[in-house]
Amino acid sequence: MLRDVLRLHPKLASPEETHFFRWAEPFGTDSYARGVTSNPVLKKHRELDGITEDEFGKMLREATSRADLYQRYMALFIERRKPEATRWYDKTPQNVYGAPMIAMSVPHSRFVHIVRDPVNVCASLRIGKVMKVDKLVGAMNYWREATDIMTVMKRAYPGRVHEFRYEDFVRDTGTHQKALFEFLDESYEPEWFSDFHLRESDHSTEGVLTAPEIERIQRLCMAGRKRYGYAVESAAAA
């Protein structure tokens, strides 16, 4: 949703997901190269981006770092897909594991973190329309680990992280769009987004989670739920 909103801005370009910062293997090693070249989903993403496997292989061989690979990939993508763009961004949730490295190696980068109620996140992952995770602990930790990392990122780089809740964005899109583009130092014209209509989805009511599972998610994610306003301490507890 967020990627598609940002794509409507005339100066911003985004490919499909890259996953360049996802894996812990050092850049330049055979294990890193295998991860980014053999994954069938990433091959499909490059096909959608209009970049051939031969072209990507050449970039990978010539690049000296993940950031260098980023720059090479995005330059070719913009040239082919949106030459009027002046900036690029990457919507790869798993790149959160490399967020500190991105901050250091791409010094002018900024981070936009959209967070959602963990019950809905776990329900969505169990449904698996985009990515399927049946195990509750695995689904929960997609949420817990990402929010923990971004909490540290906000402390380390307070001026480079913009954060908001999915539910708030959908319910008051215009306000949050304006704030987002102010953070990005980009112009904002409401008419650019007039044809983009959002409807809040709620997977928690679709019956894929049992009541005990919902209680477990709420309990194990309690620290983050309080941090983001999804759980309110009682007056007695306060």
Protein backbone atom coordinates (compact mmCIF):
# COMPACT_ATOMS: atom_id res chain seq x y z
CA MET A 1 0.00 0.00 0.00
CA LEU A 2 2.68 2.49 1.02
CA ARG A 3 4.88 1.67 -1.94
CA ASP A 4 1.97 2.18 -4.35
CA VAL A 5 1.11 5.54 -2.80
CA LEU A 6 4.70 6.76 -3.10
CA ARG A 7 4.92 5.53 -6.70
CA LEU A 8 2.28 8.09 -7.68
CA HIS A 9 4.69 10.90 -6.84
CA PRO A 10 6.26 12.04 -10.14
CA LYS A 11 9.79 12.28 -8.71
CA LEU A 12 9.94 8.98 -6.81
CA ALA A 13 10.69 5.56 -8.28
CA SER A 14 10.60 2.12 -6.71
CA PRO A 15 11.40 -1.33 -8.08
CA GLU A 16 9.99 -4.56 -6.74
CA GLU A 17 11.68 -5.85 -3.58
CA THR A 18 15.49 -6.18 -3.76
CA HIS A 19 16.46 -7.96 -0.50
CA PHE A 20 20.04 -6.65 -0.90
CA PHE A 21 20.40 -6.03 2.84
CA ARG A 22 18.45 -9.03 4.06
CA TRP A 23 21.16 -11.68 4.38
CA ALA A 24 23.95 -11.66 6.93
CA GLU A 25 26.64 -13.08 4.64
CA PRO A 26 29.29 -10.45 3.75
CA PHE A 27 28.93 -8.81 0.36
CA GLY A 28 31.33 -10.30 -2.18
CA THR A 29 31.16 -13.81 -0.79
CA ASP A 30 29.84 -16.77 -2.76
CA SER A 31 27.10 -17.34 -0.17
CA TYR A 32 25.80 -13.79 -0.58
CA ALA A 33 25.85 -14.09 -4.37
CA ARG A 34 23.93 -17.37 -4.24
CA GLY A 35 21.27 -15.78 -2.06
CA VAL A 36 20.49 -12.89 -4.41
CA THR A 37 20.92 -14.76 -7.70
CA SER A 38 19.24 -18.12 -7.09
CA ASN A 39 16.06 -17.01 -5.33
CA PRO A 40 13.15 -17.49 -7.79
CA VAL A 41 11.11 -14.65 -6.27
CA LEU A 42 13.96 -12.19 -6.73
CA LYS A 43 14.44 -13.37 -10.31
CA LYS A 44 10.77 -12.61 -10.93
CA HIS A 45 11.18 -9.19 -9.32
CA ARG A 46 14.08 -8.36 -11.65
CA GLU A 47 12.01 -9.48 -14.61
CA LEU A 48 9.24 -7.10 -13.52
CA ASP A 49 11.83 -4.34 -13.12
CA GLY A 50 13.07 -4.88 -16.69
CA ILE A 51 16.58 -5.94 -15.65
CA THR A 52 17.97 -9.16 -17.11
CA GLU A 53 19.87 -11.77 -15.15
CA ASP A 54 22.98 -11.08 -17.23
CA GLU A 55 22.77 -7.39 -16.38
CA PHE A 56 22.26 -8.14 -12.72
CA GLY A 57 25.14 -10.60 -12.70
CA LYS A 58 27.44 -7.95 -14.17
CA MET A 59 26.37 -5.44 -11.50
CA LEU A 60 26.99 -7.99 -8.79
CA ARG A 61 30.50 -8.78 -10.05
CA GLU A 62 31.49 -5.14 -10.42
CA ALA A 63 29.94 -3.73 -7.23
CA THR A 64 32.13 -3.41 -4.15
CA SER A 65 29.37 -3.20 -1.52
CA ARG A 66 25.64 -3.59 -1.04
CA ALA A 67 25.27 0.19 -1.32
CA ASP A 68 27.18 0.17 -4.60
CA LEU A 69 24.90 -2.60 -5.89
CA TYR A 70 21.90 -0.54 -4.77
CA GLN A 71 23.08 2.50 -6.74
CA ARG A 72 23.83 0.53 -9.89
CA TYR A 73 20.50 -1.29 -9.80
CA MET A 74 18.41 1.80 -9.12
CA ALA A 75 20.15 3.86 -11.80
CA LEU A 76 19.30 1.29 -14.48
CA PHE A 77 15.79 0.82 -13.14
CA ILE A 78 15.05 4.56 -13.23
CA GLU A 79 16.53 4.88 -16.71
CA ARG A 80 14.16 2.22 -18.02
CA ARG A 81 11.03 2.61 -15.94
CA LYS A 82 10.76 6.23 -14.75
CA PRO A 83 13.41 8.53 -16.22
CA GLU A 84 11.70 11.63 -14.81
CA ALA A 85 12.32 10.43 -11.24
CA THR A 86 15.00 12.14 -9.19
CA ARG A 87 14.97 9.83 -6.16
CA TRP A 88 14.42 6.15 -5.50
CA TYR A 89 13.23 4.02 -2.61
CA ASP A 90 13.01 0.33 -1.83
CA LYS A 91 10.10 -1.44 -0.15
CA THR A 92 11.68 -4.64 1.16
CA PRO A 93 10.41 -5.44 4.67
CA GLN A 94 13.19 -7.97 5.30
CA ASN A 95 15.81 -5.29 4.68
CA VAL A 96 14.97 -4.10 8.20
CA TYR A 97 17.63 -6.56 9.38
CA GLY A 98 20.21 -4.46 7.57
CA ALA A 99 18.77 -1.07 8.53
CA PRO A 100 21.85 0.07 10.52
CA MET A 101 24.08 -0.91 7.60
CA ILE A 102 21.86 1.01 5.20
CA ALA A 103 22.04 4.06 7.46
CA MET A 104 25.83 3.93 7.48
CA SER A 105 26.51 2.96 3.87
CA VAL A 106 23.79 5.16 2.29
CA PRO A 107 24.34 8.27 4.44
CA HIS A 108 21.51 10.37 2.99
CA SER A 109 18.94 7.58 3.28
CA ARG A 110 15.74 8.00 5.24
CA PHE A 111 13.50 5.33 6.70
CA VAL A 112 9.72 5.13 6.63
CA HIS A 113 8.28 2.54 9.00
CA ILE A 114 4.61 1.68 8.82
CA VAL A 115 3.47 -0.52 11.72
CA ARG A 116 0.25 -2.49 12.12
CA ASP A 117 -1.53 -4.26 14.98
CA PRO A 118 0.38 -7.55 15.46
CA VAL A 119 -2.83 -9.60 15.59
CA ASN A 120 -3.65 -8.44 12.08
CA VAL A 121 -0.07 -9.05 10.95
CA CYS A 122 -0.14 -12.64 12.23
CA ALA A 123 -3.55 -13.27 10.67
CA SER A 124 -2.37 -11.89 7.33
CA LEU A 125 0.73 -14.11 7.39
CA ARG A 126 -1.36 -17.16 8.16
CA ILE A 127 -3.71 -16.39 5.28
CA GLY A 128 -0.61 -16.07 3.12
CA LYS A 129 -1.81 -14.11 0.10
CA VAL A 130 1.68 -12.63 -0.31
CA MET A 131 3.79 -14.59 2.17
CA LYS A 132 2.59 -17.52 4.25
CA VAL A 133 3.75 -18.19 7.81
CA ASP A 134 1.69 -20.80 9.66
CA LYS A 135 3.67 -20.96 12.90
CA LEU A 136 2.48 -18.38 15.38
CA VAL A 137 5.90 -17.74 16.92
CA GLY A 138 7.38 -17.12 13.47
CA ALA A 139 4.59 -14.73 12.51
CA MET A 140 4.87 -12.86 15.81
CA ASN A 141 8.58 -12.39 15.40
CA TYR A 142 8.16 -10.82 11.98
CA TRP A 143 6.47 -8.06 13.97
CA ARG A 144 8.51 -8.07 17.18
CA GLU A 145 11.94 -8.14 15.57
CA ALA A 146 11.10 -5.41 13.04
CA THR A 147 9.60 -3.08 15.64
CA ASP A 148 12.52 -3.68 18.02
CA ILE A 149 15.04 -2.83 15.30
CA MET A 150 13.18 0.31 14.27
CA THR A 151 12.87 1.43 17.90
CA VAL A 152 16.67 1.38 18.10
CA MET A 153 16.92 3.11 14.70
CA LYS A 154 14.72 5.96 15.94
CA ARG A 155 17.03 6.47 18.89
CA ALA A 156 20.18 6.30 16.78
CA TYR A 157 18.89 8.41 13.86
CA PRO A 158 15.93 10.45 15.15
CA GLY A 159 15.84 12.79 12.18
CA ARG A 160 15.96 10.02 9.59
CA VAL A 161 13.07 7.81 10.68
CA HIS A 162 9.40 8.57 10.05
CA GLU A 163 6.89 6.22 11.62
CA PHE A 164 3.13 5.86 11.61
CA ARG A 165 0.44 3.24 12.09
CA TYR A 166 -1.34 1.55 9.20
CA GLU A 167 -4.72 2.13 10.81
CA ASP A 168 -4.12 5.87 11.18
CA PHE A 169 -2.87 6.21 7.59
CA VAL A 170 -5.94 4.53 6.13
CA ARG A 171 -8.37 6.52 8.25
CA ASP A 172 -6.77 9.92 7.60
CA THR A 173 -4.74 9.39 4.45
CA GLY A 174 -4.39 13.03 3.40
CA THR A 175 -2.91 14.18 6.69
CA HIS A 176 -0.40 11.35 6.80
CA GLN A 177 0.53 11.73 3.13
CA LYS A 178 1.31 15.40 3.69
CA ALA A 179 3.44 14.62 6.76
CA LEU A 180 5.26 11.88 4.88
CA PHE A 181 6.27 14.11 2.00
CA GLU A 182 7.31 16.87 4.38
CA PHE A 183 9.64 14.33 6.00
CA LEU A 184 10.98 13.39 2.56
CA ASP A 185 11.42 17.05 1.53
CA GLU A 186 9.25 16.43 -1.50
CA SER A 187 6.38 18.46 -2.90
CA TYR A 188 2.85 17.27 -2.27
CA GLU A 189 -0.11 17.79 -4.57
CA PRO A 190 -3.32 16.00 -3.46
CA GLU A 191 -4.48 15.56 -7.07
CA TRP A 192 -1.56 13.19 -7.73
CA PHE A 193 -3.26 10.71 -5.40
CA SER A 194 -6.92 11.41 -6.16
CA ASP A 195 -7.46 8.06 -7.91
CA PHE A 196 -5.87 6.03 -5.10
CA HIS A 197 -8.56 4.80 -2.73
CA LEU A 198 -7.77 2.93 0.46
CA ARG A 199 -9.99 0.64 2.46
CA GLU A 200 -8.92 -0.65 5.85
CA SER A 201 -8.71 -4.43 5.99
CA ASP A 202 -9.10 -6.48 9.16
CA HIS A 203 -7.84 -10.06 8.92
CA SER A 204 -8.25 -10.68 12.63
CA THR A 205 -11.97 -11.34 12.14
CA GLU A 206 -11.53 -13.92 9.36
CA GLY A 207 -11.31 -16.87 11.71
CA VAL A 208 -7.72 -17.89 10.98
CA LEU A 209 -6.65 -17.30 14.59
CA THR A 210 -8.21 -18.92 17.63
CA ALA A 211 -9.03 -16.93 20.78
CA PRO A 212 -6.08 -18.48 22.66
CA GLU A 213 -3.76 -17.61 19.77
CA ILE A 214 -4.94 -14.00 19.77
CA GLU A 215 -4.38 -13.82 23.53
CA ARG A 216 -0.87 -15.23 23.08
CA ILE A 217 -0.01 -12.69 20.38
CA GLN A 218 -1.26 -9.83 22.54
CA ARG A 219 0.68 -11.09 25.55
CA LEU A 220 3.99 -11.83 23.83
CA CYS A 221 3.86 -8.61 21.81
CA MET A 222 2.77 -6.53 24.81
CA ALA A 223 5.86 -4.31 25.00
CA GLY A 224 5.55 -3.29 21.37
CA ARG A 225 1.77 -2.98 21.54
CA LYS A 226 2.13 -0.49 24.37
CA ARG A 227 4.86 1.36 22.48
CA TYR A 228 2.61 1.86 19.46
CA GLY A 229 -0.67 2.43 21.26
CA TYR A 230 -2.25 -0.96 20.58
CA ALA A 231 -2.50 -1.72 24.31
CA VAL A 232 -3.30 0.72 27.08
CA GLU A 233 -2.31 0.10 30.65
CA SER A 234 -5.11 0.31 33.15
CA ALA A 235 -5.21 3.12 35.69
CA ALA A 236 -4.51 0.63 38.46
CA ALA A 237 -1.46 -0.74 36.67
CA ALA A 238 -0.21 2.76 35.98
